[in-house]
Amino acid sequence: MSSPPVTGPATVPEHRGGPGPARFRPRRTPPAGVARPERRGVLSYWRQYLAISPFYLVFIVFSFVPVFYSLYLAFQRYDGLGTKQFVGLQQFEFLWSDPVFWLSIRNTLAIWVLSTVPTLFGALVLATVLHSVRRFKGFYRIALYLPNVTSIVAVAIFFGAVFSNDFGLVNAILGMVGISPVPWLSNPWLIKVVIALLMTWMWTGYNMIIYLAGLQAIPQSVYEAARMDGAGPVRTFFQITIPIMRPIILFTVVISTINGLQSFSEPQVLFASNAANQNLGGPGQAGLTTLLYFYQSAFLDNDYGYGAAIVWAFFVLIIVLVVINWRIVQRGRKS
């Protein structure tokens, strides 16, 4: 008599390497009648590469090649017409002992500090205020961003007229309240203040738009929880908004460092620096920035080798300052 059939789960084959159910992966075969797509090589996309090639050609010709050619010129003595003469590190040795170069470095750093700190802080405050506005938000965005898209030459001419020593609008207003005229464009420190105000006026709106985008990404529940805990607007700003916005602040610090150290058009237009007037940077060269000194050496004095040495030394300084700012902000983030 046969035994009754065994009921229960069906036996599952095991792995050869150990217990457990075997797993089967079906082969991915295309449906019947559908051909497998062939892999296309790199050369098969030549039309797409041809479409984007103009950008890279322009970049190589007008940016990539000139950068490395300037590095080559930094080791040459060249006036633009004669033959080049290799001088090795003599340009950089003279640069190290050049008092005008160090004067331009001090002027650039002073203008950078006077413009970057109020620009970033003012942009963050404006973004916070604008984030809480309910009506006409688009109008305020356009109005605050408009200075950034205005021609820097027109802005510099406007500031030169407003802060003129003799007929400036600021001195006229000061005279109405009984204050004697201020030598805005002849005092060494006030020259730097005027250039810094010009740069602050132009770049505050740009950074404000970036901060506003970051603020809109913060959940409102965070601020509601802070208000429930009794935090006021000032405490919420310094203990919630700024810590959350730290990565965006780091980005704006790096960008502002690079842009702030490259001030050139502002002092050049303010003091009408050209071949006929080589008193670059105003009285006492108080507004002489490093890029303006490069312009004088290369295009007014026709010393292209020394001008290239100035640019590359200044490039190293910018990298050092960017790294320092990055480490400072990152250290505050880890703490």
C-alpha atoms as a PDB file:
ATOM      1  CA  MET A   1       0.000   0.000   0.000  1.00  0.00           C
ATOM      2  CA  SER A   2       1.492   3.353  -1.035  1.00  0.00           C
ATOM      3  CA  SER A   3       2.236   6.029   1.538  1.00  0.00           C
ATOM      4  CA  PRO A   4       0.060   9.135   1.594  1.00  0.00           C
ATOM      5  CA  PRO A   5       1.382  12.197  -0.292  1.00  0.00           C
ATOM      6  CA  VAL A   6       3.444  14.631   1.739  1.00  0.00           C
ATOM      7  CA  THR A   7       1.865  18.038   2.106  1.00  0.00           C
ATOM      8  CA  GLY A   8       3.766  21.247   2.870  1.00  0.00           C
ATOM      9  CA  PRO A   9       6.061  23.706   1.136  1.00  0.00           C
ATOM     10  CA  ALA A  10       7.904  22.486  -1.852  1.00  0.00           C
ATOM     11  CA  THR A  11      11.559  21.847  -1.457  1.00  0.00           C
ATOM     12  CA  VAL A  12      13.772  24.587  -2.864  1.00  0.00           C
ATOM     13  CA  PRO A  13      17.192  23.836  -4.265  1.00  0.00           C
ATOM     14  CA  GLU A  14      20.040  25.218  -2.248  1.00  0.00           C
ATOM     15  CA  HIS A  15      23.164  27.131  -3.215  1.00  0.00           C
ATOM     16  CA  ARG A  16      26.291  25.133  -3.645  1.00  0.00           C
ATOM     17  CA  GLY A  17      28.121  27.470  -1.370  1.00  0.00           C
ATOM     18  CA  GLY A  18      25.712  27.273   1.583  1.00  0.00           C
ATOM     19  CA  PRO A  19      22.107  27.007   2.716  1.00  0.00           C
ATOM     20  CA  GLY A  20      19.337  29.189   1.482  1.00  0.00           C
ATOM     21  CA  PRO A  21      17.086  29.322  -1.514  1.00  0.00           C
ATOM     22  CA  ALA A  22      18.625  29.646  -4.904  1.00  0.00           C
ATOM     23  CA  ARG A  23      18.002  32.858  -6.775  1.00  0.00           C
ATOM     24  CA  PHE A  24      17.506  32.808 -10.487  1.00  0.00           C
ATOM     25  CA  ARG A  25      17.883  35.878 -12.688  1.00  0.00           C
ATOM     26  CA  PRO A  26      16.101  35.596 -15.986  1.00  0.00           C
ATOM     27  CA  ARG A  27      18.122  36.565 -18.976  1.00  0.00           C
ATOM     28  CA  ARG A  28      17.140  39.901 -20.383  1.00  0.00           C
ATOM     29  CA  THR A  29      16.354  39.102 -23.946  1.00  0.00           C
ATOM     30  CA  PRO A  30      14.613  41.542 -26.249  1.00  0.00           C
ATOM     31  CA  PRO A  31      11.093  40.655 -27.320  1.00  0.00           C
ATOM     32  CA  ALA A  32      10.629  38.703 -30.478  1.00  0.00           C
ATOM     33  CA  GLY A  33      10.988  40.842 -33.538  1.00  0.00           C
ATOM     34  CA  VAL A  34      12.863  43.637 -31.727  1.00  0.00           C
ATOM     35  CA  ALA A  35      16.550  43.992 -32.556  1.00  0.00           C
ATOM     36  CA  ARG A  36      19.071  44.690 -29.797  1.00  0.00           C
ATOM     37  CA  PRO A  37      20.308  48.326 -30.015  1.00  0.00           C
ATOM     38  CA  GLU A  38      23.890  48.617 -31.136  1.00  0.00           C
ATOM     39  CA  ARG A  39      26.437  50.487 -29.062  1.00  0.00           C
ATOM     40  CA  ARG A  40      27.505  53.713 -30.722  1.00  0.00           C
ATOM     41  CA  GLY A  41      31.087  54.820 -30.603  1.00  0.00           C
ATOM     42  CA  VAL A  42      32.359  58.273 -29.732  1.00  0.00           C
ATOM     43  CA  LEU A  43      32.834  59.253 -33.347  1.00  0.00           C
ATOM     44  CA  SER A  44      29.170  58.572 -34.071  1.00  0.00           C
ATOM     45  CA  TYR A  45      28.303  61.745 -32.091  1.00  0.00           C
ATOM     46  CA  TRP A  46      30.425  64.004 -34.285  1.00  0.00           C
ATOM     47  CA  ARG A  47      27.446  66.198 -35.171  1.00  0.00           C
ATOM     48  CA  GLN A  48      26.805  67.002 -31.504  1.00  0.00           C
ATOM     49  CA  TYR A  49      30.488  67.703 -30.892  1.00  0.00           C
ATOM     50  CA  LEU A  50      30.568  69.908 -33.972  1.00  0.00           C
ATOM     51  CA  ALA A  51      27.605  71.903 -32.654  1.00  0.00           C
ATOM     52  CA  ILE A  52      29.343  72.746 -29.352  1.00  0.00           C
ATOM     53  CA  SER A  53      32.832  73.146 -30.817  1.00  0.00           C
ATOM     54  CA  PRO A  54      32.625  76.958 -31.393  1.00  0.00           C
ATOM     55  CA  PHE A  55      32.520  77.595 -27.643  1.00  0.00           C
ATOM     56  CA  TYR A  56      35.586  75.474 -26.983  1.00  0.00           C
ATOM     57  CA  LEU A  57      37.471  76.976 -29.917  1.00  0.00           C
ATOM     58  CA  VAL A  58      36.785  80.503 -28.661  1.00  0.00           C
ATOM     59  CA  PHE A  59      37.731  79.451 -25.121  1.00  0.00           C
ATOM     60  CA  ILE A  60      41.022  77.913 -26.247  1.00  0.00           C
ATOM     61  CA  VAL A  61      42.003  80.838 -28.493  1.00  0.00           C
ATOM     62  CA  PHE A  62      40.985  83.728 -26.236  1.00  0.00           C
ATOM     63  CA  SER A  63      41.328  82.254 -22.720  1.00  0.00           C
ATOM     64  CA  PHE A  64      43.382  79.054 -22.498  1.00  0.00           C
ATOM     65  CA  VAL A  65      46.266  80.059 -24.778  1.00  0.00           C
ATOM     66  CA  PRO A  66      46.630  83.648 -23.419  1.00  0.00           C
ATOM     67  CA  VAL A  67      46.774  82.384 -19.834  1.00  0.00           C
ATOM     68  CA  PHE A  68      49.739  80.117 -20.468  1.00  0.00           C
ATOM     69  CA  TYR A  69      51.329  82.627 -22.828  1.00  0.00           C
ATOM     70  CA  SER A  70      51.278  85.178 -20.004  1.00  0.00           C
ATOM     71  CA  LEU A  71      53.085  82.646 -17.811  1.00  0.00           C
ATOM     72  CA  TYR A  72      55.694  82.344 -20.552  1.00  0.00           C
ATOM     73  CA  LEU A  73      56.000  86.145 -20.746  1.00  0.00           C
ATOM     74  CA  ALA A  74      56.564  86.373 -16.980  1.00  0.00           C
ATOM     75  CA  PHE A  75      60.054  84.952 -17.559  1.00  0.00           C
ATOM     76  CA  GLN A  76      60.817  87.206 -20.526  1.00  0.00           C
ATOM     77  CA  ARG A  77      61.667  90.868 -21.063  1.00  0.00           C
ATOM     78  CA  TYR A  78      59.437  92.028 -23.890  1.00  0.00           C
ATOM     79  CA  ASP A  79      58.157  95.432 -24.977  1.00  0.00           C
ATOM     80  CA  GLY A  80      55.672  94.157 -27.548  1.00  0.00           C
ATOM     81  CA  LEU A  81      57.771  94.937 -30.634  1.00  0.00           C
ATOM     82  CA  GLY A  82      61.342  93.715 -30.184  1.00  0.00           C
ATOM     83  CA  THR A  83      62.650  90.266 -29.519  1.00  0.00           C
ATOM     84  CA  LYS A  84      61.975  88.469 -26.276  1.00  0.00           C
ATOM     85  CA  GLN A  85      64.836  88.059 -23.838  1.00  0.00           C
ATOM     86  CA  PHE A  86      64.756  85.291 -21.261  1.00  0.00           C
ATOM     87  CA  VAL A  87      65.490  86.684 -17.793  1.00  0.00           C
ATOM     88  CA  GLY A  88      64.392  83.804 -15.574  1.00  0.00           C
ATOM     89  CA  LEU A  89      63.147  84.909 -12.162  1.00  0.00           C
ATOM     90  CA  GLN A  90      64.440  88.489 -12.424  1.00  0.00           C
ATOM     91  CA  GLN A  91      60.919  89.861 -12.933  1.00  0.00           C
ATOM     92  CA  PHE A  92      59.719  88.247  -9.712  1.00  0.00           C
ATOM     93  CA  GLU A  93      62.841  89.372  -7.825  1.00  0.00           C
ATOM     94  CA  PHE A  94      62.207  92.959  -8.858  1.00  0.00           C
ATOM     95  CA  LEU A  95      58.539  92.494  -8.004  1.00  0.00           C
ATOM     96  CA  TRP A  96      59.442  91.461  -4.455  1.00  0.00           C
ATOM     97  CA  SER A  97      61.366  94.723  -3.917  1.00  0.00           C
ATOM     98  CA  ASP A  98      58.957  96.995  -5.833  1.00  0.00           C
ATOM     99  CA  PRO A  99      57.310  99.453  -3.374  1.00  0.00           C
ATOM    100  CA  VAL A 100      54.569 100.389  -5.843  1.00  0.00           C
ATOM    101  CA  PHE A 101      53.517  96.757  -6.154  1.00  0.00           C
ATOM    102  CA  TRP A 102      53.171  96.402  -2.384  1.00  0.00           C
ATOM    103  CA  LEU A 103      51.307  99.711  -2.257  1.00  0.00           C
ATOM    104  CA  SER A 104      48.834  98.331  -4.794  1.00  0.00           C
ATOM    105  CA  ILE A 105      48.462  95.141  -2.718  1.00  0.00           C
ATOM    106  CA  ARG A 106      47.660  97.165   0.415  1.00  0.00           C
ATOM    107  CA  ASN A 107      45.183  99.326  -1.478  1.00  0.00           C
ATOM    108  CA  THR A 108      43.496  96.267  -2.982  1.00  0.00           C
ATOM    109  CA  LEU A 109      43.183  94.484   0.351  1.00  0.00           C
ATOM    110  CA  ALA A 110      41.814  97.597   2.082  1.00  0.00           C
ATOM    111  CA  ILE A 111      39.199  98.144  -0.647  1.00  0.00           C
ATOM    112  CA  TRP A 112      38.324  94.441  -0.569  1.00  0.00           C
ATOM    113  CA  VAL A 113      37.679  94.449   3.192  1.00  0.00           C
ATOM    114  CA  LEU A 114      35.756  97.747   3.096  1.00  0.00           C
ATOM    115  CA  SER A 115      33.490  96.451   0.325  1.00  0.00           C
ATOM    116  CA  THR A 116      33.083  92.711   0.975  1.00  0.00           C
ATOM    117  CA  VAL A 117      32.030  92.795   4.633  1.00  0.00           C
ATOM    118  CA  PRO A 118      29.155  95.319   4.248  1.00  0.00           C
ATOM    119  CA  THR A 119      28.155  93.775   0.917  1.00  0.00           C
ATOM    120  CA  LEU A 120      27.621  90.273   2.298  1.00  0.00           C
ATOM    121  CA  PHE A 121      26.075  91.381   5.583  1.00  0.00           C
ATOM    122  CA  GLY A 122      23.780  93.891   3.875  1.00  0.00           C
ATOM    123  CA  ALA A 123      22.778  91.314   1.262  1.00  0.00           C
ATOM    124  CA  LEU A 124      21.854  88.792   3.955  1.00  0.00           C
ATOM    125  CA  VAL A 125      19.810  91.372   5.883  1.00  0.00           C
ATOM    126  CA  LEU A 126      18.014  92.541   2.731  1.00  0.00           C
ATOM    127  CA  ALA A 127      17.290  88.947   1.711  1.00  0.00           C
ATOM    128  CA  THR A 128      15.827  88.215   5.145  1.00  0.00           C
ATOM    129  CA  VAL A 129      13.623  91.321   5.027  1.00  0.00           C
ATOM    130  CA  LEU A 130      12.534  90.666   1.454  1.00  0.00           C
ATOM    131  CA  HIS A 131      11.748  87.045   2.316  1.00  0.00           C
ATOM    132  CA  SER A 132       9.140  88.238   4.809  1.00  0.00           C
ATOM    133  CA  VAL A 133       7.556  90.748   2.400  1.00  0.00           C
ATOM    134  CA  ARG A 134       4.209  89.677   0.997  1.00  0.00           C
ATOM    135  CA  ARG A 135       3.456  92.345  -1.595  1.00  0.00           C
ATOM    136  CA  PHE A 136       5.528  93.756  -4.491  1.00  0.00           C
ATOM    137  CA  LYS A 137       8.257  91.149  -3.913  1.00  0.00           C
ATOM    138  CA  GLY A 138       9.088  90.990  -7.629  1.00  0.00           C
ATOM    139  CA  PHE A 139       9.478  94.766  -7.832  1.00  0.00           C
ATOM    140  CA  TYR A 140      11.892  94.814  -4.904  1.00  0.00           C
ATOM    141  CA  ARG A 141      13.953  92.011  -6.441  1.00  0.00           C
ATOM    142  CA  ILE A 142      14.342  93.878  -9.716  1.00  0.00           C
ATOM    143  CA  ALA A 143      15.086  97.183  -7.980  1.00  0.00           C
ATOM    144  CA  LEU A 144      17.805  95.693  -5.781  1.00  0.00           C
ATOM    145  CA  TYR A 145      19.358  93.628  -8.561  1.00  0.00           C
ATOM    146  CA  LEU A 146      19.357  96.450 -11.133  1.00  0.00           C
ATOM    147  CA  PRO A 147      22.713  97.993 -10.026  1.00  0.00           C
ATOM    148  CA  ASN A 148      24.494  94.727 -10.841  1.00  0.00           C
ATOM    149  CA  VAL A 149      23.470  94.837 -14.502  1.00  0.00           C
ATOM    150  CA  THR A 150      24.210  98.549 -14.893  1.00  0.00           C
ATOM    151  CA  SER A 151      27.365  99.502 -16.778  1.00  0.00           C
ATOM    152  CA  ILE A 152      30.233  99.826 -14.335  1.00  0.00           C
ATOM    153  CA  VAL A 153      31.592 102.787 -16.308  1.00  0.00           C
ATOM    154  CA  ALA A 154      28.301 104.652 -15.952  1.00  0.00           C
ATOM    155  CA  VAL A 155      28.171 103.847 -12.233  1.00  0.00           C
ATOM    156  CA  ALA A 156      31.756 105.056 -11.714  1.00  0.00           C
ATOM    157  CA  ILE A 157      31.028 108.324 -13.542  1.00  0.00           C
ATOM    158  CA  PHE A 158      27.914 108.790 -11.402  1.00  0.00           C
ATOM    159  CA  PHE A 159      29.831 108.193  -8.164  1.00  0.00           C
ATOM    160  CA  GLY A 160      32.575 110.547  -9.322  1.00  0.00           C
ATOM    161  CA  ALA A 161      29.984 113.301  -9.778  1.00  0.00           C
ATOM    162  CA  VAL A 162      28.196 112.563  -6.486  1.00  0.00           C
ATOM    163  CA  PHE A 163      31.407 112.514  -4.413  1.00  0.00           C
ATOM    164  CA  SER A 164      33.200 115.341  -6.231  1.00  0.00           C
ATOM    165  CA  ASN A 165      35.198 117.579  -3.914  1.00  0.00           C
ATOM    166  CA  ASP A 166      33.918 120.838  -5.380  1.00  0.00           C
ATOM    167  CA  PHE A 167      30.498 120.246  -6.933  1.00  0.00           C
ATOM    168  CA  GLY A 168      29.464 116.848  -5.534  1.00  0.00           C
ATOM    169  CA  LEU A 169      25.947 116.160  -4.338  1.00  0.00           C
ATOM    170  CA  VAL A 170      27.172 114.720  -1.023  1.00  0.00           C
ATOM    171  CA  ASN A 171      29.181 117.838  -0.165  1.00  0.00           C
ATOM    172  CA  ALA A 172      26.233 120.017  -1.209  1.00  0.00           C
ATOM    173  CA  ILE A 173      23.977 118.174   1.249  1.00  0.00           C
ATOM    174  CA  LEU A 174      26.625 118.427   3.960  1.00  0.00           C
ATOM    175  CA  GLY A 175      26.905 122.153   3.321  1.00  0.00           C
ATOM    176  CA  MET A 176      23.154 122.573   3.800  1.00  0.00           C
ATOM    177  CA  VAL A 177      23.459 121.240   7.359  1.00  0.00           C
ATOM    178  CA  GLY A 178      26.541 123.326   8.153  1.00  0.00           C
ATOM    179  CA  ILE A 179      29.282 120.729   7.601  1.00  0.00           C
ATOM    180  CA  SER A 180      32.377 121.748   5.667  1.00  0.00           C
ATOM    181  CA  PRO A 181      33.090 119.911   2.388  1.00  0.00           C
ATOM    182  CA  VAL A 182      34.819 116.542   2.685  1.00  0.00           C
ATOM    183  CA  PRO A 183      37.732 115.728   0.326  1.00  0.00           C
ATOM    184  CA  TRP A 184      36.262 112.446  -0.864  1.00  0.00           C
ATOM    185  CA  LEU A 185      38.510 112.082  -3.918  1.00  0.00           C
ATOM    186  CA  SER A 186      41.745 113.490  -2.499  1.00  0.00           C
ATOM    187  CA  ASN A 187      42.047 111.955   0.968  1.00  0.00           C
ATOM    188  CA  PRO A 188      43.899 108.591   0.824  1.00  0.00           C
ATOM    189  CA  TRP A 189      41.411 106.696   3.002  1.00  0.00           C
ATOM    190  CA  LEU A 190      38.291 108.409   1.680  1.00  0.00           C
ATOM    191  CA  ILE A 191      39.326 107.407  -1.845  1.00  0.00           C
ATOM    192  CA  LYS A 192      39.224 103.781  -0.746  1.00  0.00           C
ATOM    193  CA  VAL A 193      35.870 104.347   0.970  1.00  0.00           C
ATOM    194  CA  VAL A 194      34.341 105.771  -2.222  1.00  0.00           C
ATOM    195  CA  ILE A 195      35.593 102.831  -4.316  1.00  0.00           C
ATOM    196  CA  ALA A 196      34.312 100.391  -1.684  1.00  0.00           C
ATOM    197  CA  LEU A 197      30.893 102.104  -1.635  1.00  0.00           C
ATOM    198  CA  LEU A 198      30.727 101.817  -5.420  1.00  0.00           C
ATOM    199  CA  MET A 199      31.466  98.097  -5.296  1.00  0.00           C
ATOM    200  CA  THR A 200      29.037  97.580  -2.408  1.00  0.00           C
ATOM    201  CA  TRP A 201      26.268  99.327  -4.307  1.00  0.00           C
ATOM    202  CA  MET A 202      26.844  97.135  -7.364  1.00  0.00           C
ATOM    203  CA  TRP A 203      27.213  93.695  -5.727  1.00  0.00           C
ATOM    204  CA  THR A 204      24.783  93.764  -2.818  1.00  0.00           C
ATOM    205  CA  GLY A 205      21.785  92.932  -5.015  1.00  0.00           C
ATOM    206  CA  TYR A 206      23.606  90.028  -6.675  1.00  0.00           C
ATOM    207  CA  ASN A 207      24.390  88.372  -3.343  1.00  0.00           C
ATOM    208  CA  MET A 208      20.915  89.216  -2.047  1.00  0.00           C
ATOM    209  CA  ILE A 209      19.309  87.166  -4.828  1.00  0.00           C
ATOM    210  CA  ILE A 210      21.510  84.171  -3.924  1.00  0.00           C
ATOM    211  CA  TYR A 211      20.661  84.463  -0.238  1.00  0.00           C
ATOM    212  CA  LEU A 212      16.969  84.846  -1.017  1.00  0.00           C
ATOM    213  CA  ALA A 213      17.006  81.590  -2.968  1.00  0.00           C
ATOM    214  CA  GLY A 214      18.603  79.865   0.016  1.00  0.00           C
ATOM    215  CA  LEU A 215      16.087  81.323   2.457  1.00  0.00           C
ATOM    216  CA  GLN A 216      13.181  80.070   0.375  1.00  0.00           C
ATOM    217  CA  ALA A 217      14.538  76.526   0.749  1.00  0.00           C
ATOM    218  CA  ILE A 218      14.389  76.648   4.570  1.00  0.00           C
ATOM    219  CA  PRO A 219      11.172  75.028   5.904  1.00  0.00           C
ATOM    220  CA  GLN A 220       8.842  77.403   7.701  1.00  0.00           C
ATOM    221  CA  SER A 221       8.392  74.811  10.445  1.00  0.00           C
ATOM    222  CA  VAL A 222      11.919  75.657  11.665  1.00  0.00           C
ATOM    223  CA  TYR A 223      10.986  79.296  12.247  1.00  0.00           C
ATOM    224  CA  GLU A 224       7.639  78.329  13.771  1.00  0.00           C
ATOM    225  CA  ALA A 225       9.400  76.069  16.270  1.00  0.00           C
ATOM    226  CA  ALA A 226      11.807  78.893  17.117  1.00  0.00           C
ATOM    227  CA  ARG A 227       8.938  81.302  17.745  1.00  0.00           C
ATOM    228  CA  MET A 228       7.246  78.744  19.969  1.00  0.00           C
ATOM    229  CA  ASP A 229      10.445  78.495  22.007  1.00  0.00           C
ATOM    230  CA  GLY A 230      10.411  82.260  22.490  1.00  0.00           C
ATOM    231  CA  ALA A 231      13.157  83.233  20.028  1.00  0.00           C
ATOM    232  CA  GLY A 232      12.914  86.771  18.692  1.00  0.00           C
ATOM    233  CA  PRO A 233      13.805  87.983  15.186  1.00  0.00           C
ATOM    234  CA  VAL A 234      17.423  88.839  16.066  1.00  0.00           C
ATOM    235  CA  ARG A 235      18.094  85.536  17.820  1.00  0.00           C
ATOM    236  CA  THR A 236      16.399  83.617  15.006  1.00  0.00           C
ATOM    237  CA  PHE A 237      18.572  85.429  12.456  1.00  0.00           C
ATOM    238  CA  PHE A 238      21.897  84.671  14.168  1.00  0.00           C
ATOM    239  CA  GLN A 239      21.160  81.191  15.550  1.00  0.00           C
ATOM    240  CA  ILE A 240      18.958  79.678  12.849  1.00  0.00           C
ATOM    241  CA  THR A 241      19.235  81.562   9.569  1.00  0.00           C
ATOM    242  CA  ILE A 242      23.003  82.025   9.478  1.00  0.00           C
ATOM    243  CA  PRO A 243      23.922  78.409  10.514  1.00  0.00           C
ATOM    244  CA  ILE A 244      21.539  76.934   7.931  1.00  0.00           C
ATOM    245  CA  MET A 245      22.788  79.346   5.258  1.00  0.00           C
ATOM    246  CA  ARG A 246      26.459  78.627   5.964  1.00  0.00           C
ATOM    247  CA  PRO A 247      27.159  76.695   2.702  1.00  0.00           C
ATOM    248  CA  ILE A 248      25.611  79.497   0.640  1.00  0.00           C
ATOM    249  CA  ILE A 249      27.513  82.093   2.642  1.00  0.00           C
ATOM    250  CA  LEU A 250      30.718  80.170   1.901  1.00  0.00           C
ATOM    251  CA  PHE A 251      29.945  80.340  -1.817  1.00  0.00           C
ATOM    252  CA  THR A 252      29.311  84.088  -1.719  1.00  0.00           C
ATOM    253  CA  VAL A 253      32.461  84.665   0.341  1.00  0.00           C
ATOM    254  CA  VAL A 254      34.581  82.890  -2.275  1.00  0.00           C
ATOM    255  CA  ILE A 255      32.935  84.713  -5.190  1.00  0.00           C
ATOM    256  CA  SER A 256      33.136  88.086  -3.414  1.00  0.00           C
ATOM    257  CA  THR A 257      36.808  87.490  -2.630  1.00  0.00           C
ATOM    258  CA  ILE A 258      37.609  86.831  -6.275  1.00  0.00           C
ATOM    259  CA  ASN A 259      35.534  89.762  -7.560  1.00  0.00           C
ATOM    260  CA  GLY A 260      36.579  92.180  -4.821  1.00  0.00           C
ATOM    261  CA  LEU A 261      40.282  91.654  -5.399  1.00  0.00           C
ATOM    262  CA  GLN A 262      39.891  92.293  -9.138  1.00  0.00           C
ATOM    263  CA  SER A 263      38.821  95.930  -8.856  1.00  0.00           C
ATOM    264  CA  PHE A 264      40.049  97.759 -11.953  1.00  0.00           C
ATOM    265  CA  SER A 265      37.404  99.809 -13.727  1.00  0.00           C
ATOM    266  CA  GLU A 266      36.269 101.620 -10.582  1.00  0.00           C
ATOM    267  CA  PRO A 267      39.506 103.546  -9.846  1.00  0.00           C
ATOM    268  CA  GLN A 268      40.378 103.832 -13.526  1.00  0.00           C
ATOM    269  CA  VAL A 269      37.139 105.632 -14.414  1.00  0.00           C
ATOM    270  CA  LEU A 270      36.950 107.630 -11.180  1.00  0.00           C
ATOM    271  CA  PHE A 271      40.359 109.187 -11.753  1.00  0.00           C
ATOM    272  CA  ALA A 272      40.401 109.224 -15.581  1.00  0.00           C
ATOM    273  CA  SER A 273      43.502 107.065 -15.889  1.00  0.00           C
ATOM    274  CA  ASN A 274      44.773 106.921 -19.453  1.00  0.00           C
ATOM    275  CA  ALA A 275      47.953 107.381 -21.441  1.00  0.00           C
ATOM    276  CA  ALA A 276      47.787 111.173 -21.045  1.00  0.00           C
ATOM    277  CA  ASN A 277      47.134 110.993 -17.297  1.00  0.00           C
ATOM    278  CA  GLN A 278      49.310 108.324 -15.734  1.00  0.00           C
ATOM    279  CA  ASN A 279      48.563 109.370 -12.160  1.00  0.00           C
ATOM    280  CA  LEU A 280      46.819 106.064 -11.624  1.00  0.00           C
ATOM    281  CA  GLY A 281      44.706 105.693  -8.516  1.00  0.00           C
ATOM    282  CA  GLY A 282      44.238 109.359  -7.753  1.00  0.00           C
ATOM    283  CA  PRO A 283      46.356 111.577  -5.479  1.00  0.00           C
ATOM    284  CA  GLY A 284      49.180 109.660  -3.847  1.00  0.00           C
ATOM    285  CA  GLN A 285      48.072 106.542  -5.766  1.00  0.00           C
ATOM    286  CA  ALA A 286      45.677 105.824  -2.904  1.00  0.00           C
ATOM    287  CA  GLY A 287      43.299 104.039  -5.273  1.00  0.00           C
ATOM    288  CA  LEU A 288      45.941 102.145  -7.239  1.00  0.00           C
ATOM    289  CA  THR A 289      44.839  98.510  -7.256  1.00  0.00           C
ATOM    290  CA  THR A 290      47.006  95.612  -8.380  1.00  0.00           C
ATOM    291  CA  LEU A 291      45.192  95.107 -11.683  1.00  0.00           C
ATOM    292  CA  LEU A 292      45.448  98.838 -12.358  1.00  0.00           C
ATOM    293  CA  TYR A 293      49.188  98.623 -11.722  1.00  0.00           C
ATOM    294  CA  PHE A 294      49.352  95.688 -14.132  1.00  0.00           C
ATOM    295  CA  TYR A 295      47.563  97.830 -16.711  1.00  0.00           C
ATOM    296  CA  GLN A 296      50.095 100.610 -16.210  1.00  0.00           C
ATOM    297  CA  SER A 297      53.104  98.301 -16.501  1.00  0.00           C
ATOM    298  CA  ALA A 298      51.903  96.318 -19.516  1.00  0.00           C
ATOM    299  CA  PHE A 299      49.926  98.766 -21.653  1.00  0.00           C
ATOM    300  CA  LEU A 300      51.261 102.189 -20.651  1.00  0.00           C
ATOM    301  CA  ASP A 301      54.923 101.356 -19.955  1.00  0.00           C
ATOM    302  CA  ASN A 302      55.001  98.542 -22.576  1.00  0.00           C
ATOM    303  CA  ASP A 303      56.680  96.142 -20.151  1.00  0.00           C
ATOM    304  CA  TYR A 304      54.655  93.029 -20.872  1.00  0.00           C
ATOM    305  CA  GLY A 305      56.975  90.654 -19.054  1.00  0.00           C
ATOM    306  CA  TYR A 306      56.734  92.571 -15.796  1.00  0.00           C
ATOM    307  CA  GLY A 307      52.983  92.957 -16.221  1.00  0.00           C
ATOM    308  CA  ALA A 308      52.639  89.187 -16.586  1.00  0.00           C
ATOM    309  CA  ALA A 309      54.715  88.691 -13.433  1.00  0.00           C
ATOM    310  CA  ILE A 310      52.378  91.045 -11.533  1.00  0.00           C
ATOM    311  CA  VAL A 311      49.315  89.120 -12.685  1.00  0.00           C
ATOM    312  CA  TRP A 312      50.689  85.706 -11.728  1.00  0.00           C
ATOM    313  CA  ALA A 313      51.873  86.888  -8.326  1.00  0.00           C
ATOM    314  CA  PHE A 314      48.446  88.396  -7.740  1.00  0.00           C
ATOM    315  CA  PHE A 315      46.805  85.149  -8.864  1.00  0.00           C
ATOM    316  CA  VAL A 316      48.718  83.264  -6.168  1.00  0.00           C
ATOM    317  CA  LEU A 317      47.574  85.839  -3.593  1.00  0.00           C
ATOM    318  CA  ILE A 318      43.941  85.384  -4.611  1.00  0.00           C
ATOM    319  CA  ILE A 319      44.227  81.599  -4.264  1.00  0.00           C
ATOM    320  CA  VAL A 320      45.751  81.974  -0.789  1.00  0.00           C
ATOM    321  CA  LEU A 321      42.993  84.329   0.376  1.00  0.00           C
ATOM    322  CA  VAL A 322      40.266  82.095  -1.041  1.00  0.00           C
ATOM    323  CA  VAL A 323      41.705  79.084   0.794  1.00  0.00           C
ATOM    324  CA  ILE A 324      41.941  81.083   4.045  1.00  0.00           C
ATOM    325  CA  ASN A 325      38.309  82.206   3.761  1.00  0.00           C
ATOM    326  CA  TRP A 326      37.241  78.647   2.948  1.00  0.00           C
ATOM    327  CA  ARG A 327      39.022  77.255   6.001  1.00  0.00           C
ATOM    328  CA  ILE A 328      37.595  79.930   8.301  1.00  0.00           C
ATOM    329  CA  VAL A 329      34.022  79.290   7.211  1.00  0.00           C
ATOM    330  CA  GLN A 330      34.498  75.505   7.256  1.00  0.00           C
ATOM    331  CA  ARG A 331      35.976  75.672  10.764  1.00  0.00           C
ATOM    332  CA  GLY A 332      32.915  77.558  11.944  1.00  0.00           C
ATOM    333  CA  ARG A 333      30.721  74.935  10.298  1.00  0.00           C
ATOM    334  CA  LYS A 334      32.469  72.036  12.108  1.00  0.00           C
ATOM    335  CA  SER A 335      32.263  73.772  15.441  1.00  0.00           C
END
